[in-house]
N, C-alpha and C. Protein backbone atom coordinates (compact mmCIF):
# COMPACT_ATOMS: atom_id res chain seq x y z
N MET A 1 8.12 -23.22 -67.68
CA MET A 1 7.62 -24.90 -67.46
C MET A 1 8.28 -25.44 -66.34
N ALA A 2 9.77 -25.22 -66.07
CA ALA A 2 10.17 -25.92 -64.91
C ALA A 2 9.78 -25.35 -63.68
N ILE A 3 9.60 -23.74 -63.70
CA ILE A 3 9.07 -23.35 -62.28
C ILE A 3 7.52 -24.01 -62.11
N ALA A 4 6.61 -24.24 -63.06
CA ALA A 4 5.32 -24.71 -62.81
C ALA A 4 5.35 -26.07 -62.40
N ALA A 5 6.61 -26.86 -62.87
CA ALA A 5 6.57 -28.42 -62.41
C ALA A 5 7.03 -28.45 -61.05
N TYR A 6 7.92 -27.33 -60.56
CA TYR A 6 8.52 -27.48 -59.36
C TYR A 6 7.21 -27.01 -58.42
N LEU A 7 6.38 -26.18 -58.64
CA LEU A 7 5.29 -25.66 -57.95
C LEU A 7 4.48 -27.23 -57.43
N VAL A 8 3.97 -27.72 -58.66
CA VAL A 8 3.38 -29.12 -58.46
C VAL A 8 4.02 -29.84 -57.47
N TRP A 9 5.33 -30.33 -58.06
CA TRP A 9 6.18 -31.20 -57.30
C TRP A 9 6.17 -30.94 -55.96
N LYS A 10 6.49 -29.64 -55.30
CA LYS A 10 6.45 -29.33 -53.83
C LYS A 10 4.88 -29.75 -53.38
N ARG A 11 3.93 -29.82 -53.97
CA ARG A 11 2.52 -30.19 -53.36
C ARG A 11 2.14 -31.99 -53.60
N ARG A 12 3.34 -32.40 -54.39
CA ARG A 12 2.99 -33.81 -54.56
C ARG A 12 2.54 -34.45 -53.31
N ASN A 13 1.70 -35.52 -53.87
CA ASN A 13 1.34 -36.46 -52.84
C ASN A 13 1.05 -37.87 -53.73
N ASN A 14 0.41 -38.84 -53.01
CA ASN A 14 0.15 -40.09 -53.79
C ASN A 14 -1.15 -40.16 -54.39
N SER A 15 -1.98 -38.91 -54.81
CA SER A 15 -3.08 -38.86 -55.11
C SER A 15 -3.16 -39.35 -56.84
N ILE A 16 -4.05 -39.59 -57.28
CA ILE A 16 -4.05 -39.88 -58.65
C ILE A 16 -4.10 -38.58 -59.54
N ILE A 17 -4.42 -37.48 -58.88
CA ILE A 17 -4.37 -36.34 -59.66
C ILE A 17 -2.89 -35.76 -59.75
N TYR A 18 -1.97 -36.00 -58.68
CA TYR A 18 -0.44 -35.74 -58.95
C TYR A 18 -0.28 -36.69 -59.81
N SER A 19 -0.30 -37.99 -59.97
CA SER A 19 0.26 -38.94 -60.93
C SER A 19 -0.26 -38.68 -62.14
N THR A 20 -1.43 -38.41 -62.43
CA THR A 20 -1.75 -38.12 -63.85
C THR A 20 -0.95 -36.92 -64.27
N ALA A 21 -0.93 -35.86 -63.46
CA ALA A 21 -0.19 -34.51 -63.85
C ALA A 21 1.25 -34.76 -64.37
N ARG A 22 1.64 -35.61 -63.42
CA ARG A 22 3.20 -35.86 -63.83
C ARG A 22 3.33 -36.53 -65.28
N ILE A 23 2.45 -37.65 -65.49
CA ILE A 23 2.88 -38.25 -66.59
C ILE A 23 2.40 -37.49 -67.86
N ILE A 24 1.21 -36.69 -67.66
CA ILE A 24 0.95 -35.35 -68.73
C ILE A 24 2.25 -34.67 -69.09
N TYR A 25 2.74 -34.16 -67.92
CA TYR A 25 3.88 -33.36 -68.32
C TYR A 25 5.09 -34.06 -68.41
N ILE A 26 5.42 -35.20 -68.53
CA ILE A 26 6.48 -36.23 -69.11
C ILE A 26 5.96 -36.08 -70.40
N VAL A 27 4.79 -36.44 -70.90
CA VAL A 27 4.47 -36.80 -72.17
C VAL A 27 4.63 -35.53 -73.33
N GLN A 28 4.25 -34.50 -72.59
CA GLN A 28 4.39 -33.24 -73.44
C GLN A 28 5.76 -32.75 -73.50
N LEU A 29 6.88 -33.10 -72.76
CA LEU A 29 7.77 -32.79 -72.67
C LEU A 29 8.50 -33.54 -73.68
N LEU A 30 8.43 -34.79 -73.90
CA LEU A 30 8.73 -35.72 -75.01
C LEU A 30 8.06 -35.31 -76.32
N LEU A 31 6.95 -34.85 -76.62
CA LEU A 31 6.33 -34.44 -77.63
C LEU A 31 7.25 -33.31 -77.95
N ASN A 32 7.50 -32.56 -77.22
CA ASN A 32 8.15 -31.11 -77.52
C ASN A 32 9.28 -31.34 -78.02
N PHE A 33 10.15 -32.42 -77.44
CA PHE A 33 11.33 -32.70 -77.82
C PHE A 33 11.57 -33.36 -79.36
N SER A 34 10.45 -34.44 -79.52
CA SER A 34 10.25 -34.97 -80.62
C SER A 34 10.17 -34.23 -81.91
N TRP A 35 9.37 -32.97 -81.41
CA TRP A 35 8.94 -32.02 -82.57
C TRP A 35 10.09 -31.22 -83.21
N SER A 36 10.84 -30.99 -82.20
CA SER A 36 12.17 -30.31 -82.85
C SER A 36 12.91 -31.12 -83.57
N ILE A 37 13.15 -32.59 -83.34
CA ILE A 37 13.85 -33.23 -83.84
C ILE A 37 13.25 -33.33 -85.29
N VAL A 38 12.06 -33.84 -85.30
CA VAL A 38 11.39 -34.17 -86.54
C VAL A 38 11.23 -32.59 -87.45
N PHE A 39 11.09 -31.75 -86.98
CA PHE A 39 10.83 -30.58 -87.77
C PHE A 39 11.92 -29.86 -88.25
N PHE A 40 12.89 -29.56 -87.45
CA PHE A 40 14.39 -28.94 -87.78
C PHE A 40 15.31 -30.23 -88.26
N GLY A 41 15.47 -31.15 -87.46
CA GLY A 41 16.45 -32.44 -87.74
C GLY A 41 15.97 -33.16 -89.09
N LEU A 42 14.86 -33.69 -89.28
CA LEU A 42 14.25 -34.45 -90.48
C LEU A 42 13.46 -33.72 -91.21
N HIS A 43 13.42 -32.29 -91.16
CA HIS A 43 12.47 -31.54 -92.25
C HIS A 43 10.94 -32.29 -92.45
N GLY A 44 10.55 -32.82 -91.61
CA GLY A 44 8.98 -33.51 -91.64
C GLY A 44 8.35 -32.55 -91.47
N VAL A 45 7.83 -31.94 -92.29
CA VAL A 45 6.75 -30.74 -92.00
C VAL A 45 5.28 -31.41 -91.66
N LEU A 46 4.75 -32.48 -92.38
CA LEU A 46 3.51 -32.96 -91.98
C LEU A 46 3.58 -33.74 -90.58
N PRO A 47 4.59 -34.93 -90.55
CA PRO A 47 4.72 -35.36 -89.05
C PRO A 47 4.77 -34.11 -88.12
N ALA A 48 5.56 -33.35 -88.18
CA ALA A 48 5.58 -32.41 -87.08
C ALA A 48 4.35 -31.81 -86.77
N HIS A 49 3.64 -31.38 -87.85
CA HIS A 49 2.20 -30.90 -87.46
C HIS A 49 1.49 -31.84 -86.69
N ALA A 50 1.45 -32.87 -87.05
CA ALA A 50 0.71 -34.05 -86.38
C ALA A 50 1.33 -34.09 -84.91
N ILE A 51 2.59 -34.13 -84.53
CA ILE A 51 2.96 -33.94 -83.51
C ILE A 51 2.83 -32.86 -82.65
N ILE A 52 2.62 -31.58 -83.23
CA ILE A 52 2.42 -30.48 -82.73
C ILE A 52 0.97 -30.23 -82.31
N LEU A 53 0.10 -31.19 -82.99
CA LEU A 53 -1.43 -31.20 -82.41
C LEU A 53 -1.65 -31.90 -81.07
N PHE A 54 -0.89 -33.03 -81.01
CA PHE A 54 -0.86 -33.75 -79.85
C PHE A 54 -0.14 -33.00 -78.61
N LEU A 55 0.86 -32.13 -78.99
CA LEU A 55 1.54 -31.42 -77.92
C LEU A 55 0.62 -30.44 -77.54
N TRP A 56 -0.16 -29.68 -78.34
CA TRP A 56 -1.25 -28.89 -78.03
C TRP A 56 -1.91 -29.30 -77.07
N ILE A 57 -2.74 -30.39 -77.29
CA ILE A 57 -3.74 -31.15 -76.61
C ILE A 57 -2.91 -31.56 -75.34
N SER A 58 -1.84 -32.12 -75.26
CA SER A 58 -1.01 -32.48 -73.91
C SER A 58 -0.95 -30.97 -73.07
N ILE A 59 -0.53 -30.09 -73.87
CA ILE A 59 -0.36 -28.89 -72.70
C ILE A 59 -1.71 -28.42 -72.30
N VAL A 60 -2.77 -28.37 -72.99
CA VAL A 60 -3.96 -28.13 -72.31
C VAL A 60 -4.32 -28.95 -71.16
N LEU A 61 -4.01 -30.29 -71.59
CA LEU A 61 -4.30 -31.31 -70.23
C LEU A 61 -3.38 -30.89 -69.07
N ASN A 62 -2.22 -30.49 -69.46
CA ASN A 62 -1.21 -30.30 -68.55
C ASN A 62 -1.71 -29.04 -67.58
N ILE A 63 -2.16 -28.15 -68.12
CA ILE A 63 -2.81 -26.77 -67.49
C ILE A 63 -3.99 -27.32 -66.58
N ILE A 64 -4.63 -28.20 -67.03
CA ILE A 64 -6.18 -28.36 -66.38
C ILE A 64 -5.40 -29.21 -65.27
N TYR A 65 -4.62 -30.06 -65.06
CA TYR A 65 -4.26 -30.95 -64.11
C TYR A 65 -3.12 -30.07 -63.13
N PHE A 66 -2.25 -29.32 -63.47
CA PHE A 66 -1.56 -28.50 -62.76
C PHE A 66 -2.45 -27.34 -61.95
N ALA A 67 -3.70 -27.13 -62.54
CA ALA A 67 -4.57 -26.06 -61.97
C ALA A 67 -5.27 -26.68 -60.57
N ARG A 68 -5.24 -28.09 -60.87
CA ARG A 68 -5.92 -28.70 -59.76
C ARG A 68 -4.82 -28.73 -58.22
N MET A 69 -3.59 -28.64 -58.82
CA MET A 69 -2.82 -28.58 -57.73
C MET A 69 -2.02 -27.31 -57.25
N SER A 70 -2.13 -26.10 -58.43
CA SER A 70 -1.52 -25.00 -58.24
C SER A 70 -2.14 -23.97 -59.19
N LYS A 71 -2.86 -23.10 -58.78
CA LYS A 71 -3.18 -22.09 -59.96
C LYS A 71 -2.17 -21.28 -60.72
N ILE A 72 -1.27 -20.90 -59.85
CA ILE A 72 -0.08 -20.35 -60.32
C ILE A 72 0.76 -21.27 -61.58
N ALA A 73 1.11 -22.34 -61.09
CA ALA A 73 1.51 -23.40 -61.90
C ALA A 73 0.80 -23.37 -63.23
N ALA A 74 -0.55 -23.62 -63.20
CA ALA A 74 -1.35 -23.64 -64.28
C ALA A 74 -1.16 -22.52 -65.35
N TRP A 75 -1.10 -21.25 -64.63
CA TRP A 75 -1.10 -19.96 -65.37
C TRP A 75 0.42 -19.81 -65.93
N LEU A 76 1.27 -20.43 -65.33
CA LEU A 76 2.42 -20.15 -65.82
C LEU A 76 2.76 -20.94 -67.29
N LEU A 77 1.93 -22.09 -67.30
CA LEU A 77 1.87 -22.68 -68.69
C LEU A 77 1.19 -21.94 -69.97
N VAL A 78 0.34 -21.11 -69.43
CA VAL A 78 -0.38 -20.30 -70.46
C VAL A 78 0.48 -19.68 -71.62
N PRO A 79 1.73 -19.13 -71.31
CA PRO A 79 2.38 -18.24 -72.45
C PRO A 79 3.14 -19.64 -73.33
N TYR A 80 3.43 -20.82 -72.89
CA TYR A 80 3.88 -21.87 -73.71
C TYR A 80 2.91 -22.10 -74.49
N LEU A 81 1.65 -22.54 -74.09
CA LEU A 81 0.33 -22.89 -75.26
C LEU A 81 0.04 -21.69 -76.27
N LEU A 82 0.50 -20.56 -75.85
CA LEU A 82 0.26 -19.48 -76.74
C LEU A 82 1.23 -19.52 -77.73
N TRP A 83 2.60 -19.91 -77.41
CA TRP A 83 3.65 -19.98 -78.45
C TRP A 83 3.62 -21.23 -79.21
N VAL A 84 2.88 -22.31 -78.48
CA VAL A 84 2.91 -23.49 -79.47
C VAL A 84 1.55 -23.63 -80.42
N SER A 85 0.60 -22.69 -79.78
CA SER A 85 -0.50 -22.22 -80.84
C SER A 85 -0.10 -21.66 -82.28
N LEU A 86 1.04 -20.63 -81.97
CA LEU A 86 1.56 -19.95 -83.30
C LEU A 86 2.52 -20.82 -84.04
N LEU A 87 2.93 -21.40 -83.27
CA LEU A 87 4.18 -22.38 -84.13
C LEU A 87 3.20 -23.41 -84.97
N ALA A 88 1.73 -23.84 -84.35
CA ALA A 88 0.96 -24.81 -85.03
C ALA A 88 0.49 -24.04 -86.22
N TYR A 89 0.41 -22.75 -86.30
CA TYR A 89 -0.38 -21.97 -87.02
C TYR A 89 0.52 -21.95 -88.49
C-alpha cells in the first residue's frame, strides 16, 4: 500500500484525479484502522462487517483512481483487495 501511494505521490499534480485518489486512499486507511479496533478491540462482529464492506468499496475505488495515475500502483493494491475479500467472507 505504501509503495502504491508513493508511486502516485511521485506523479502528483493539481488535478481532480490526484485529489480524489488521495482522499480515497486516506478514507480506506481510516476504515482499515477502524475495522481492526471494532473487530479485535470491541468484538463487534456486525459493525466490523459493515466497516469491511465500505473498506472493500473504498479499495476498489482506490484501485480505479490509482490506475489513472500509475498502473503499477493499482496492481499493487490487488493483493490487499483479495485479503480484505477473504476477511469479509
